[in-house]
Amino acid sequence: MYQIKLTAQAKKELKKIKLLHQKAIDAVFEDLKENPRLGKPLTRELTGKYSYKIGVYRLIYSINAKDKIIFILTAGHRLTIYK
């Protein structure tokens, strides 16, 4: 089982998301702990990172398989998250 760590930026952005979606994101964290490659692998300048959809929101994360840690890098609305 993997461990989840949030960056300071991700913590700040998650606080801005509505409570309903925050609960859905918490459920996603549990799924990611079991299978971290559930998200879509990203390309170009985000190669090596993954994106996971939760409604109109996205989580961008990276995986450290050696230490079994998932780093949540950022979270936000799908229209602004990739910029």
C-alpha atoms as a PDB file:
ATOM      1  CA  MET A   1       0.000   0.000   0.000  1.00  0.00           C
ATOM      2  CA  TYR A   2       1.230   3.459  -0.912  1.00  0.00           C
ATOM      3  CA  GLN A   3       1.364   6.542   1.296  1.00  0.00           C
ATOM      4  CA  ILE A   4       0.003   9.913   0.123  1.00  0.00           C
ATOM      5  CA  LYS A   5       1.838  13.190   0.701  1.00  0.00           C
ATOM      6  CA  LEU A   6       0.464  16.604  -0.255  1.00  0.00           C
ATOM      7  CA  THR A   7       2.664  19.466  -1.375  1.00  0.00           C
ATOM      8  CA  ALA A   8       2.064  22.894   0.159  1.00  0.00           C
ATOM      9  CA  GLN A   9       0.547  24.066  -3.123  1.00  0.00           C
ATOM     10  CA  ALA A  10      -1.853  21.100  -3.230  1.00  0.00           C
ATOM     11  CA  LYS A  11      -2.988  21.743   0.372  1.00  0.00           C
ATOM     12  CA  LYS A  12      -3.694  25.369  -0.466  1.00  0.00           C
ATOM     13  CA  GLU A  13      -5.641  24.490  -3.622  1.00  0.00           C
ATOM     14  CA  LEU A  14      -7.649  21.712  -1.972  1.00  0.00           C
ATOM     15  CA  LYS A  15      -8.930  24.196   0.626  1.00  0.00           C
ATOM     16  CA  LYS A  16     -10.481  26.246  -2.206  1.00  0.00           C
ATOM     17  CA  ILE A  17     -12.498  23.303  -3.550  1.00  0.00           C
ATOM     18  CA  LYS A  18     -16.101  22.883  -2.415  1.00  0.00           C
ATOM     19  CA  LEU A  19     -16.702  20.501   0.488  1.00  0.00           C
ATOM     20  CA  LEU A  20     -18.706  18.056  -1.654  1.00  0.00           C
ATOM     21  CA  HIS A  21     -15.783  17.609  -4.031  1.00  0.00           C
ATOM     22  CA  GLN A  22     -13.283  17.463  -1.155  1.00  0.00           C
ATOM     23  CA  LYS A  23     -15.077  14.380   0.164  1.00  0.00           C
ATOM     24  CA  ALA A  24     -14.881  12.777  -3.286  1.00  0.00           C
ATOM     25  CA  ILE A  25     -11.169  13.591  -3.418  1.00  0.00           C
ATOM     26  CA  ASP A  26     -10.645  11.933  -0.022  1.00  0.00           C
ATOM     27  CA  ALA A  27     -12.267   8.773  -1.428  1.00  0.00           C
ATOM     28  CA  VAL A  28      -9.932   8.958  -4.437  1.00  0.00           C
ATOM     29  CA  PHE A  29      -6.930   9.075  -2.112  1.00  0.00           C
ATOM     30  CA  GLU A  30      -7.964   5.691  -0.714  1.00  0.00           C
ATOM     31  CA  ASP A  31      -8.228   4.251  -4.246  1.00  0.00           C
ATOM     32  CA  LEU A  32      -4.834   5.651  -5.201  1.00  0.00           C
ATOM     33  CA  LYS A  33      -3.209   4.076  -2.142  1.00  0.00           C
ATOM     34  CA  GLU A  34      -4.213   0.675  -3.502  1.00  0.00           C
ATOM     35  CA  ASN A  35      -3.469   1.331  -7.187  1.00  0.00           C
ATOM     36  CA  PRO A  36      -1.469   4.515  -7.879  1.00  0.00           C
ATOM     37  CA  ARG A  37      -1.615   4.088 -11.650  1.00  0.00           C
ATOM     38  CA  LEU A  38      -5.377   4.643 -11.870  1.00  0.00           C
ATOM     39  CA  GLY A  39      -4.829   8.092 -13.327  1.00  0.00           C
ATOM     40  CA  LYS A  40      -3.948   8.992 -16.893  1.00  0.00           C
ATOM     41  CA  PRO A  41      -0.220   9.301 -17.639  1.00  0.00           C
ATOM     42  CA  LEU A  42       0.601  12.816 -18.821  1.00  0.00           C
ATOM     43  CA  THR A  43       2.845  13.807 -21.721  1.00  0.00           C
ATOM     44  CA  ARG A  44       5.106  16.631 -22.895  1.00  0.00           C
ATOM     45  CA  GLU A  45       6.357  18.827 -20.046  1.00  0.00           C
ATOM     46  CA  LEU A  46       4.333  16.773 -17.528  1.00  0.00           C
ATOM     47  CA  THR A  47       5.855  13.422 -18.508  1.00  0.00           C
ATOM     48  CA  GLY A  48       6.216  11.145 -15.487  1.00  0.00           C
ATOM     49  CA  LYS A  49       3.160  12.609 -13.775  1.00  0.00           C
ATOM     50  CA  TYR A  50      -0.437  11.411 -13.686  1.00  0.00           C
ATOM     51  CA  SER A  51      -3.830  13.111 -13.780  1.00  0.00           C
ATOM     52  CA  TYR A  52      -6.936  11.802 -12.015  1.00  0.00           C
ATOM     53  CA  LYS A  53     -10.420  13.129 -12.830  1.00  0.00           C
ATOM     54  CA  ILE A  54     -12.943  13.961 -10.108  1.00  0.00           C
ATOM     55  CA  GLY A  55     -15.858  15.664 -11.836  1.00  0.00           C
ATOM     56  CA  VAL A  56     -14.543  18.973 -13.195  1.00  0.00           C
ATOM     57  CA  TYR A  57     -11.482  18.825 -10.943  1.00  0.00           C
ATOM     58  CA  ARG A  58      -8.131  17.170 -11.557  1.00  0.00           C
ATOM     59  CA  LEU A  59      -5.376  15.886  -9.291  1.00  0.00           C
ATOM     60  CA  ILE A  60      -1.846  15.972 -10.679  1.00  0.00           C
ATOM     61  CA  TYR A  61       0.468  13.551  -8.912  1.00  0.00           C
ATOM     62  CA  SER A  62       3.738  11.681  -9.209  1.00  0.00           C
ATOM     63  CA  ILE A  63       4.672   8.249  -7.932  1.00  0.00           C
ATOM     64  CA  ASN A  64       7.812   7.191  -6.087  1.00  0.00           C
ATOM     65  CA  ALA A  65       7.577   3.407  -6.486  1.00  0.00           C
ATOM     66  CA  LYS A  66      10.800   2.740  -4.559  1.00  0.00           C
ATOM     67  CA  ASP A  67       9.539   4.365  -1.337  1.00  0.00           C
ATOM     68  CA  LYS A  68       5.837   3.679  -2.112  1.00  0.00           C
ATOM     69  CA  ILE A  69       4.838   7.342  -1.884  1.00  0.00           C
ATOM     70  CA  ILE A  70       2.365   9.271  -4.017  1.00  0.00           C
ATOM     71  CA  PHE A  71       3.042  13.011  -4.125  1.00  0.00           C
ATOM     72  CA  ILE A  72      -0.065  15.092  -4.854  1.00  0.00           C
ATOM     73  CA  LEU A  73       1.479  18.055  -6.648  1.00  0.00           C
ATOM     74  CA  THR A  74      -1.567  20.169  -7.425  1.00  0.00           C
ATOM     75  CA  ALA A  75      -5.358  20.088  -7.601  1.00  0.00           C
ATOM     76  CA  GLY A  76      -7.838  22.328  -9.321  1.00  0.00           C
ATOM     77  CA  HIS A  77     -10.432  22.940 -12.009  1.00  0.00           C
ATOM     78  CA  ARG A  78      -9.744  21.210 -15.315  1.00  0.00           C
ATOM     79  CA  LEU A  79      -9.661  24.476 -17.259  1.00  0.00           C
ATOM     80  CA  THR A  80      -6.782  25.948 -15.252  1.00  0.00           C
ATOM     81  CA  ILE A  81      -4.847  23.004 -13.820  1.00  0.00           C
ATOM     82  CA  TYR A  82      -2.599  22.322 -16.817  1.00  0.00           C
ATOM     83  CA  LYS A  83      -1.440  25.942 -17.311  1.00  0.00           C
END
